[in-house]
């Protein structure tokens, strides 16, 4: 296999200075600056903390685990989500359940949001629809440890979720 040579026409001195391209870029920047100053309604921006951006119905945000009526997690620790996760950010430890109708339950369920790629494979793989991704996209925290969600973190604030998908 050889190297393919691409022959380009030679540039003259004016083209090598890139003066025209720099002027075009500055013109676009100036146009956007003037539009944002004199016609702010035409700019595609949101005043973020006060105005939340509209989300698609299928948006994949923060993970949640559904609860049973008694408040226990619906998850049966089948390891399907852990097995199918491409970045391997889910870690489950199972234990026997006190309820005779449920064979096992998760003792620990951890999701490392620093590794998660929010692909939704865990949601698709769950046979009980126990895990879902909410519309919560505000995932910033101060430490790396706070972005490693445990079972308690995944079960909280389910009343505030806008969507379950």
N, C-alpha and C. Protein backbone atom coordinates (compact mmCIF):
# COMPACT_ATOMS: atom_id res chain seq x y z
N UNK A 1 0.84 -1.17 0.00
CA UNK A 1 0.00 0.00 0.00
C UNK A 1 0.89 1.23 0.00
N UNK A 2 0.65 2.12 -0.90
CA UNK A 2 1.50 3.29 -1.04
C UNK A 2 0.88 4.53 -0.41
N UNK A 3 1.62 5.59 -0.51
CA UNK A 3 1.16 6.87 0.01
C UNK A 3 0.57 7.65 -1.16
N UNK A 4 -0.63 8.15 -0.96
CA UNK A 4 -1.29 8.91 -2.02
C UNK A 4 -0.94 10.38 -1.86
N UNK A 5 -0.41 10.96 -2.90
CA UNK A 5 -0.04 12.37 -2.89
C UNK A 5 -1.24 13.20 -3.34
N UNK A 6 -1.54 14.25 -2.60
CA UNK A 6 -2.60 15.17 -2.98
C UNK A 6 -1.93 16.46 -3.42
N UNK A 7 -2.16 16.82 -4.66
CA UNK A 7 -1.56 18.02 -5.21
C UNK A 7 -2.55 19.17 -5.09
N UNK A 8 -2.16 20.18 -4.35
CA UNK A 8 -2.99 21.36 -4.16
C UNK A 8 -2.38 22.50 -4.96
N UNK A 9 -3.24 23.38 -5.43
CA UNK A 9 -2.68 24.53 -6.17
C UNK A 9 -1.90 25.43 -5.20
N UNK A 10 -0.82 26.01 -5.64
CA UNK A 10 -0.02 26.87 -4.74
C UNK A 10 -0.79 28.13 -4.37
N UNK A 11 -0.57 28.62 -3.13
CA UNK A 11 -1.22 29.84 -2.65
C UNK A 11 -0.34 31.05 -2.96
N UNK A 12 -1.01 32.14 -3.28
CA UNK A 12 -0.23 33.37 -3.49
C UNK A 12 0.01 34.03 -2.13
N UNK A 13 0.70 35.14 -2.12
CA UNK A 13 1.07 35.80 -0.86
C UNK A 13 -0.16 36.27 -0.08
N UNK A 14 -1.20 36.76 -0.78
CA UNK A 14 -2.41 37.24 -0.13
C UNK A 14 -3.12 36.09 0.60
N UNK A 15 -3.19 34.94 -0.03
CA UNK A 15 -3.85 33.79 0.58
C UNK A 15 -3.05 33.24 1.76
N UNK A 16 -1.75 33.33 1.69
CA UNK A 16 -0.93 32.84 2.79
C UNK A 16 -1.01 33.72 4.03
N UNK A 17 -1.41 34.97 3.91
CA UNK A 17 -1.54 35.87 5.06
C UNK A 17 -2.85 35.64 5.83
N UNK A 18 -3.83 35.03 5.21
CA UNK A 18 -5.13 34.74 5.81
C UNK A 18 -5.85 35.99 6.28
N UNK A 19 -5.56 37.14 5.66
CA UNK A 19 -6.18 38.40 6.07
C UNK A 19 -7.69 38.36 5.81
N UNK A 20 -8.07 37.85 4.66
CA UNK A 20 -9.50 37.80 4.34
C UNK A 20 -10.25 36.89 5.32
N UNK A 21 -9.68 35.75 5.67
CA UNK A 21 -10.35 34.82 6.59
C UNK A 21 -10.44 35.41 8.00
N UNK A 22 -9.43 36.11 8.43
CA UNK A 22 -9.47 36.76 9.75
C UNK A 22 -10.55 37.84 9.76
N UNK A 23 -10.65 38.62 8.68
CA UNK A 23 -11.67 39.65 8.60
C UNK A 23 -13.07 39.04 8.59
N UNK A 24 -13.25 37.93 7.90
CA UNK A 24 -14.56 37.24 7.92
C UNK A 24 -14.91 36.78 9.31
N UNK A 25 -13.97 36.20 10.03
CA UNK A 25 -14.22 35.74 11.39
C UNK A 25 -14.57 36.88 12.33
N UNK A 26 -13.86 37.99 12.21
CA UNK A 26 -14.16 39.16 13.04
C UNK A 26 -15.54 39.74 12.69
N UNK A 27 -15.92 39.68 11.43
CA UNK A 27 -17.24 40.16 11.02
C UNK A 27 -18.36 39.34 11.64
N UNK A 28 -18.20 38.02 11.64
CA UNK A 28 -19.21 37.14 12.26
C UNK A 28 -19.30 37.42 13.76
N UNK A 29 -18.16 37.57 14.41
CA UNK A 29 -18.14 37.87 15.85
C UNK A 29 -18.81 39.20 16.14
N UNK A 30 -18.53 40.21 15.34
CA UNK A 30 -19.13 41.53 15.53
C UNK A 30 -20.64 41.47 15.30
N UNK A 31 -21.08 40.71 14.29
CA UNK A 31 -22.51 40.57 14.02
C UNK A 31 -23.22 39.96 15.22
N UNK A 32 -22.66 38.89 15.79
CA UNK A 32 -23.27 38.24 16.96
C UNK A 32 -23.27 39.16 18.18
N UNK A 33 -22.20 39.92 18.35
CA UNK A 33 -22.14 40.84 19.49
C UNK A 33 -23.20 41.93 19.37
N UNK A 34 -23.35 42.50 18.18
CA UNK A 34 -24.35 43.54 17.99
C UNK A 34 -25.77 43.00 18.14
N UNK A 35 -26.02 41.79 17.64
CA UNK A 35 -27.34 41.19 17.81
C UNK A 35 -27.65 40.94 19.28
N UNK A 36 -26.67 40.50 20.04
CA UNK A 36 -26.92 40.22 21.45
C UNK A 36 -27.15 41.50 22.24
N UNK A 37 -26.59 42.62 21.80
CA UNK A 37 -26.78 43.88 22.51
C UNK A 37 -28.10 44.54 22.15
N UNK A 38 -28.44 44.57 20.85
CA UNK A 38 -29.60 45.34 20.39
C UNK A 38 -30.86 44.50 20.21
N UNK A 39 -30.74 43.21 19.98
CA UNK A 39 -31.90 42.33 19.83
C UNK A 39 -31.67 41.06 20.65
N UNK A 40 -31.72 41.16 21.98
CA UNK A 40 -31.41 39.98 22.80
C UNK A 40 -32.44 38.86 22.67
N UNK A 41 -33.63 39.17 22.19
CA UNK A 41 -34.64 38.13 22.01
C UNK A 41 -34.32 37.16 20.89
N UNK A 42 -33.45 37.56 19.98
CA UNK A 42 -33.10 36.71 18.85
C UNK A 42 -31.96 35.73 19.16
N UNK A 43 -31.34 35.88 20.32
CA UNK A 43 -30.21 35.01 20.66
C UNK A 43 -30.72 33.71 21.29
N UNK A 44 -30.16 32.58 20.91
CA UNK A 44 -30.63 31.28 21.45
C UNK A 44 -30.00 30.98 22.82
N UNK A 45 -30.33 31.78 23.82
CA UNK A 45 -29.76 31.57 25.15
C UNK A 45 -30.88 31.49 26.18
N UNK A 46 -30.56 30.91 27.32
CA UNK A 46 -31.47 30.83 28.46
C UNK A 46 -30.80 31.49 29.65
N UNK A 47 -31.57 32.17 30.46
CA UNK A 47 -31.04 32.75 31.68
C UNK A 47 -31.07 31.65 32.72
N UNK A 48 -29.99 30.86 32.74
CA UNK A 48 -29.99 29.52 33.29
C UNK A 48 -30.54 29.30 34.69
N UNK A 49 -30.05 29.82 35.74
CA UNK A 49 -30.65 29.29 36.98
C UNK A 49 -32.13 29.60 37.09
N UNK A 50 -32.56 30.72 36.54
CA UNK A 50 -33.97 31.09 36.63
C UNK A 50 -34.82 30.36 35.60
N UNK A 51 -34.32 30.21 34.39
CA UNK A 51 -35.08 29.58 33.31
C UNK A 51 -34.38 28.29 32.92
N UNK A 52 -35.06 27.18 33.13
CA UNK A 52 -34.50 25.87 32.76
C UNK A 52 -34.77 25.63 31.28
N UNK A 53 -33.83 24.98 30.65
CA UNK A 53 -33.98 24.71 29.23
C UNK A 53 -34.95 23.56 29.02
N UNK A 54 -35.77 23.61 27.98
CA UNK A 54 -36.71 22.51 27.73
C UNK A 54 -35.95 21.26 27.29
N UNK A 55 -36.37 20.13 27.81
CA UNK A 55 -35.68 18.87 27.52
C UNK A 55 -36.55 17.98 26.65
N UNK A 56 -35.92 17.16 25.87
CA UNK A 56 -36.64 16.18 25.08
C UNK A 56 -37.22 15.11 26.00
N UNK A 57 -38.27 14.48 25.57
CA UNK A 57 -38.90 13.44 26.39
C UNK A 57 -37.94 12.29 26.67
N UNK A 58 -37.07 12.00 25.73
CA UNK A 58 -36.15 10.88 25.87
C UNK A 58 -34.79 11.28 26.43
N UNK A 59 -34.69 12.44 27.05
CA UNK A 59 -33.43 12.90 27.63
C UNK A 59 -32.98 11.95 28.73
N UNK A 60 -31.68 11.64 28.76
CA UNK A 60 -31.13 10.73 29.76
C UNK A 60 -30.28 11.53 30.74
N UNK A 61 -30.80 11.70 31.94
CA UNK A 61 -30.09 12.44 32.98
C UNK A 61 -29.62 11.51 34.08
N UNK A 62 -29.77 11.96 35.31
CA UNK A 62 -29.29 11.22 36.48
C UNK A 62 -30.08 9.93 36.68
N UNK A 63 -29.38 8.90 37.10
CA UNK A 63 -29.99 7.60 37.33
C UNK A 63 -30.86 7.61 38.58
N UNK A 64 -31.92 6.82 38.57
CA UNK A 64 -32.79 6.61 39.73
C UNK A 64 -33.18 5.14 39.77
N UNK A 65 -33.53 4.68 40.96
CA UNK A 65 -34.05 3.32 41.13
C UNK A 65 -35.46 3.46 41.70
N UNK A 66 -36.40 2.76 41.07
CA UNK A 66 -37.79 2.81 41.52
C UNK A 66 -37.94 2.10 42.86
N UNK A 67 -38.96 2.53 43.61
CA UNK A 67 -39.24 1.93 44.91
C UNK A 67 -40.51 1.08 44.85
N UNK A 68 -40.58 0.12 45.74
CA UNK A 68 -41.82 -0.62 45.95
C UNK A 68 -42.72 0.22 46.85
N UNK A 69 -43.92 -0.30 47.11
CA UNK A 69 -44.85 0.42 47.98
C UNK A 69 -44.30 0.58 49.39
N UNK A 70 -43.52 -0.40 49.85
CA UNK A 70 -42.97 -0.33 51.21
C UNK A 70 -41.70 0.51 51.30
N UNK A 71 -41.24 1.06 50.19
CA UNK A 71 -40.06 1.92 50.19
C UNK A 71 -38.76 1.21 49.86
N UNK A 72 -38.78 -0.10 49.73
CA UNK A 72 -37.57 -0.84 49.39
C UNK A 72 -37.32 -0.74 47.88
N UNK A 73 -36.09 -0.92 47.44
CA UNK A 73 -35.80 -0.79 46.00
C UNK A 73 -36.45 -1.91 45.19
N UNK A 74 -36.91 -1.58 44.01
CA UNK A 74 -37.52 -2.56 43.12
C UNK A 74 -36.48 -3.49 42.51
N UNK A 75 -35.22 -3.10 42.56
CA UNK A 75 -34.13 -3.88 41.99
C UNK A 75 -34.02 -5.23 42.69
N UNK A 76 -33.78 -6.29 41.90
CA UNK A 76 -33.61 -7.64 42.45
C UNK A 76 -32.17 -8.11 42.33
N UNK A 77 -31.24 -7.22 42.08
CA UNK A 77 -29.81 -7.52 41.98
C UNK A 77 -29.53 -8.67 41.02
N UNK A 78 -30.04 -8.54 39.80
CA UNK A 78 -29.84 -9.57 38.79
C UNK A 78 -28.53 -9.37 38.02
N UNK A 79 -27.88 -8.26 38.20
CA UNK A 79 -26.60 -7.91 37.59
C UNK A 79 -26.68 -7.66 36.08
N UNK A 80 -27.88 -7.55 35.53
CA UNK A 80 -27.99 -7.28 34.09
C UNK A 80 -27.43 -5.91 33.73
N UNK A 81 -27.75 -4.89 34.52
CA UNK A 81 -27.26 -3.55 34.21
C UNK A 81 -25.75 -3.48 34.38
N UNK A 82 -25.23 -4.14 35.38
CA UNK A 82 -23.78 -4.16 35.60
C UNK A 82 -23.07 -4.87 34.46
N UNK A 83 -23.67 -5.93 33.94
CA UNK A 83 -23.05 -6.70 32.87
C UNK A 83 -23.04 -5.94 31.55
N UNK A 84 -24.10 -5.22 31.26
CA UNK A 84 -24.23 -4.57 29.96
C UNK A 84 -23.57 -3.19 29.91
N UNK A 85 -23.18 -2.64 31.04
CA UNK A 85 -22.63 -1.28 31.10
C UNK A 85 -21.28 -1.20 30.37
N UNK A 86 -21.18 -0.39 29.28
CA UNK A 86 -19.92 -0.33 28.53
C UNK A 86 -18.73 0.20 29.33
N UNK A 87 -18.87 1.29 30.10
CA UNK A 87 -17.70 1.76 30.86
C UNK A 87 -17.52 1.07 32.21
N UNK A 88 -18.40 0.12 32.52
CA UNK A 88 -18.34 -0.65 33.77
C UNK A 88 -18.34 0.27 34.99
N UNK A 89 -19.33 1.16 35.03
CA UNK A 89 -19.41 2.12 36.14
C UNK A 89 -20.42 1.69 37.20
N UNK A 90 -21.10 0.57 37.01
CA UNK A 90 -22.09 0.09 37.97
C UNK A 90 -21.49 -1.07 38.75
N UNK A 91 -21.67 -1.02 40.08
CA UNK A 91 -21.17 -2.07 40.96
C UNK A 91 -22.29 -2.47 41.91
N UNK A 92 -22.70 -3.74 41.87
CA UNK A 92 -23.80 -4.23 42.68
C UNK A 92 -23.29 -5.35 43.59
N UNK A 93 -23.71 -5.30 44.85
CA UNK A 93 -23.48 -6.39 45.80
C UNK A 93 -24.85 -6.84 46.28
N UNK A 94 -25.14 -8.13 46.14
CA UNK A 94 -26.47 -8.66 46.46
C UNK A 94 -26.49 -9.29 47.85
N UNK A 95 -27.70 -9.40 48.40
CA UNK A 95 -27.92 -10.11 49.65
C UNK A 95 -29.31 -10.73 49.59
N UNK A 96 -29.58 -11.67 50.47
CA UNK A 96 -30.90 -12.30 50.51
C UNK A 96 -31.91 -11.32 51.08
N UNK A 97 -33.11 -11.42 50.57
CA UNK A 97 -34.17 -10.52 51.00
C UNK A 97 -34.98 -11.14 52.14
N UNK A 98 -35.54 -10.28 53.00
CA UNK A 98 -36.42 -10.76 54.06
C UNK A 98 -37.79 -11.15 53.52
N UNK A 99 -38.17 -10.54 52.40
CA UNK A 99 -39.47 -10.81 51.78
C UNK A 99 -39.39 -12.14 51.02
N UNK A 100 -40.27 -13.09 51.31
CA UNK A 100 -40.21 -14.38 50.60
C UNK A 100 -40.56 -14.28 49.12
N UNK A 101 -41.27 -13.22 48.72
CA UNK A 101 -41.61 -13.05 47.30
C UNK A 101 -40.42 -12.56 46.49
N UNK A 102 -39.41 -11.97 47.16
CA UNK A 102 -38.23 -11.45 46.47
C UNK A 102 -37.04 -12.31 46.89
N UNK A 103 -36.36 -12.90 45.92
CA UNK A 103 -35.27 -13.80 46.25
C UNK A 103 -34.04 -13.06 46.78
N UNK A 104 -33.64 -11.98 46.11
CA UNK A 104 -32.49 -11.20 46.59
C UNK A 104 -32.71 -9.73 46.29
N UNK A 105 -31.93 -8.92 46.93
CA UNK A 105 -32.01 -7.47 46.77
C UNK A 105 -30.60 -6.91 46.79
N UNK A 106 -30.41 -5.67 46.36
CA UNK A 106 -29.06 -5.10 46.40
C UNK A 106 -28.72 -4.61 47.80
N UNK A 107 -27.61 -5.08 48.33
CA UNK A 107 -27.09 -4.52 49.58
C UNK A 107 -26.39 -3.21 49.28
N UNK A 108 -25.61 -3.21 48.19
CA UNK A 108 -24.94 -2.01 47.70
C UNK A 108 -25.21 -1.89 46.21
N UNK A 109 -25.50 -0.69 45.76
CA UNK A 109 -25.70 -0.39 44.35
C UNK A 109 -24.99 0.93 44.12
N UNK A 110 -23.89 0.91 43.41
CA UNK A 110 -23.09 2.11 43.19
C UNK A 110 -22.98 2.41 41.70
N UNK A 111 -23.14 3.67 41.36
CA UNK A 111 -22.92 4.15 40.00
C UNK A 111 -21.91 5.28 40.07
N UNK A 112 -20.83 5.14 39.34
CA UNK A 112 -19.79 6.16 39.27
C UNK A 112 -20.12 7.08 38.10
N UNK A 113 -20.67 8.27 38.39
CA UNK A 113 -21.05 9.20 37.33
C UNK A 113 -19.86 9.79 36.60
N UNK A 114 -18.67 9.68 37.18
CA UNK A 114 -17.48 10.17 36.49
C UNK A 114 -17.12 9.27 35.32
N UNK A 115 -17.50 8.02 35.37
CA UNK A 115 -17.20 7.08 34.29
C UNK A 115 -18.40 6.87 33.37
N UNK A 116 -19.60 7.17 33.85
CA UNK A 116 -20.81 6.90 33.09
C UNK A 116 -20.85 7.73 31.81
N UNK A 117 -21.30 7.12 30.72
CA UNK A 117 -21.43 7.83 29.45
C UNK A 117 -22.90 8.11 29.12
N UNK A 118 -23.80 7.83 30.05
CA UNK A 118 -25.23 8.12 29.94
C UNK A 118 -25.82 7.53 28.65
N UNK A 119 -25.46 6.30 28.36
CA UNK A 119 -25.93 5.63 27.15
C UNK A 119 -27.32 5.04 27.31
N UNK A 120 -27.74 4.74 28.53
CA UNK A 120 -29.05 4.16 28.77
C UNK A 120 -29.11 2.66 28.61
N UNK A 121 -27.98 2.00 28.43
CA UNK A 121 -27.97 0.54 28.28
C UNK A 121 -28.46 -0.15 29.56
N UNK A 122 -28.16 0.42 30.71
CA UNK A 122 -28.59 -0.17 31.98
C UNK A 122 -30.11 -0.15 32.08
N UNK A 123 -30.74 0.89 31.58
CA UNK A 123 -32.20 1.00 31.61
C UNK A 123 -32.81 -0.05 30.69
N UNK A 124 -32.23 -0.21 29.52
CA UNK A 124 -32.74 -1.18 28.55
C UNK A 124 -32.57 -2.62 29.03
N UNK A 125 -31.49 -2.89 29.77
CA UNK A 125 -31.20 -4.26 30.18
C UNK A 125 -32.00 -4.71 31.38
N UNK A 126 -32.53 -3.80 32.17
CA UNK A 126 -33.20 -4.16 33.42
C UNK A 126 -34.51 -4.89 33.14
N UNK A 127 -34.65 -6.13 33.60
CA UNK A 127 -35.88 -6.88 33.33
C UNK A 127 -37.06 -6.41 34.19
N UNK A 128 -36.82 -5.71 35.27
CA UNK A 128 -37.88 -5.25 36.17
C UNK A 128 -38.21 -3.78 36.01
N UNK A 129 -37.55 -3.09 35.09
CA UNK A 129 -37.67 -1.64 34.94
C UNK A 129 -37.42 -0.93 36.26
N UNK A 130 -36.44 -1.41 37.00
CA UNK A 130 -36.14 -0.84 38.31
C UNK A 130 -35.29 0.41 38.18
N UNK A 131 -34.45 0.49 37.18
CA UNK A 131 -33.58 1.65 37.02
C UNK A 131 -34.10 2.48 35.85
N UNK A 132 -34.08 3.79 36.03
CA UNK A 132 -34.46 4.70 34.95
C UNK A 132 -33.58 5.94 35.05
N UNK A 133 -33.63 6.75 34.01
CA UNK A 133 -32.82 7.97 33.96
C UNK A 133 -33.79 9.15 33.98
N UNK A 134 -33.65 9.98 34.99
CA UNK A 134 -34.55 11.11 35.17
C UNK A 134 -34.13 12.27 34.26
N UNK A 135 -34.84 13.37 34.37
CA UNK A 135 -34.50 14.57 33.61
C UNK A 135 -33.60 15.50 34.40
N UNK A 136 -32.97 15.03 35.44
CA UNK A 136 -32.07 15.84 36.26
C UNK A 136 -30.71 15.91 35.57
N UNK A 137 -30.35 17.10 35.08
CA UNK A 137 -29.07 17.27 34.38
C UNK A 137 -28.09 18.12 35.17
N UNK A 138 -28.44 18.56 36.34
CA UNK A 138 -27.54 19.36 37.15
C UNK A 138 -26.72 18.42 38.03
N UNK A 139 -25.59 17.97 37.52
CA UNK A 139 -24.80 16.93 38.17
C UNK A 139 -23.47 17.45 38.71
N UNK A 140 -23.31 18.74 38.83
CA UNK A 140 -22.05 19.27 39.33
C UNK A 140 -21.96 19.10 40.84
N UNK A 141 -20.78 18.75 41.32
CA UNK A 141 -20.53 18.63 42.76
C UNK A 141 -19.12 19.13 43.04
N UNK A 142 -18.81 19.23 44.32
CA UNK A 142 -17.52 19.79 44.72
C UNK A 142 -16.41 18.75 44.79
N UNK A 143 -16.75 17.50 45.05
CA UNK A 143 -15.72 16.46 45.16
C UNK A 143 -16.07 15.29 44.26
N UNK A 144 -15.08 14.50 43.94
CA UNK A 144 -15.29 13.33 43.11
C UNK A 144 -16.11 12.27 43.83
N UNK A 145 -15.99 12.20 45.14
CA UNK A 145 -16.72 11.19 45.91
C UNK A 145 -18.22 11.44 45.86
N UNK A 146 -18.64 12.70 45.73
CA UNK A 146 -20.06 13.01 45.67
C UNK A 146 -20.69 12.57 44.35
N UNK A 147 -19.88 12.31 43.34
CA UNK A 147 -20.39 11.84 42.06
C UNK A 147 -20.40 10.33 41.95
N UNK A 148 -20.17 9.65 43.04
CA UNK A 148 -20.30 8.20 43.09
C UNK A 148 -21.54 7.90 43.90
N UNK A 149 -22.63 7.62 43.19
CA UNK A 149 -23.93 7.48 43.82
C UNK A 149 -24.11 6.11 44.44
N UNK A 150 -24.63 6.08 45.65
CA UNK A 150 -24.97 4.84 46.33
C UNK A 150 -26.46 4.58 46.24
N UNK A 151 -26.90 3.52 46.90
CA UNK A 151 -28.31 3.12 46.85
C UNK A 151 -29.22 4.21 47.42
N UNK A 152 -28.81 4.84 48.49
CA UNK A 152 -29.62 5.91 49.09
C UNK A 152 -29.76 7.10 48.14
N UNK A 153 -28.67 7.45 47.44
CA UNK A 153 -28.71 8.56 46.49
C UNK A 153 -29.63 8.25 45.31
N UNK A 154 -29.66 6.99 44.89
CA UNK A 154 -30.47 6.60 43.74
C UNK A 154 -31.95 6.50 44.08
N UNK A 155 -32.28 6.35 45.36
CA UNK A 155 -33.67 6.23 45.78
C UNK A 155 -34.30 7.56 46.18
N UNK A 156 -33.51 8.60 46.41
CA UNK A 156 -34.05 9.86 46.93
C UNK A 156 -34.60 10.75 45.83
N UNK A 157 -35.45 11.70 46.24
CA UNK A 157 -36.01 12.76 45.39
C UNK A 157 -36.75 12.24 44.16
N UNK A 158 -37.47 11.16 44.29
CA UNK A 158 -38.19 10.65 43.13
C UNK A 158 -39.49 11.39 42.88
N UNK A 159 -39.96 12.14 43.84
CA UNK A 159 -41.18 12.91 43.64
C UNK A 159 -40.94 14.11 42.75
N UNK A 160 -39.70 14.58 42.66
CA UNK A 160 -39.38 15.79 41.90
C UNK A 160 -39.01 15.50 40.44
N UNK A 161 -38.90 14.26 40.05
CA UNK A 161 -38.47 13.93 38.69
C UNK A 161 -39.54 14.34 37.70
N UNK A 162 -39.10 15.04 36.63
CA UNK A 162 -40.03 15.45 35.61
C UNK A 162 -40.44 14.30 34.71
N UNK A 163 -39.51 13.42 34.43
CA UNK A 163 -39.82 12.33 33.51
C UNK A 163 -39.15 11.06 33.91
N UNK A 164 -39.80 10.00 33.56
CA UNK A 164 -39.22 8.69 33.79
C UNK A 164 -39.15 8.00 32.44
N UNK A 165 -37.94 7.73 32.00
CA UNK A 165 -37.84 7.18 30.66
C UNK A 165 -37.05 5.99 30.56
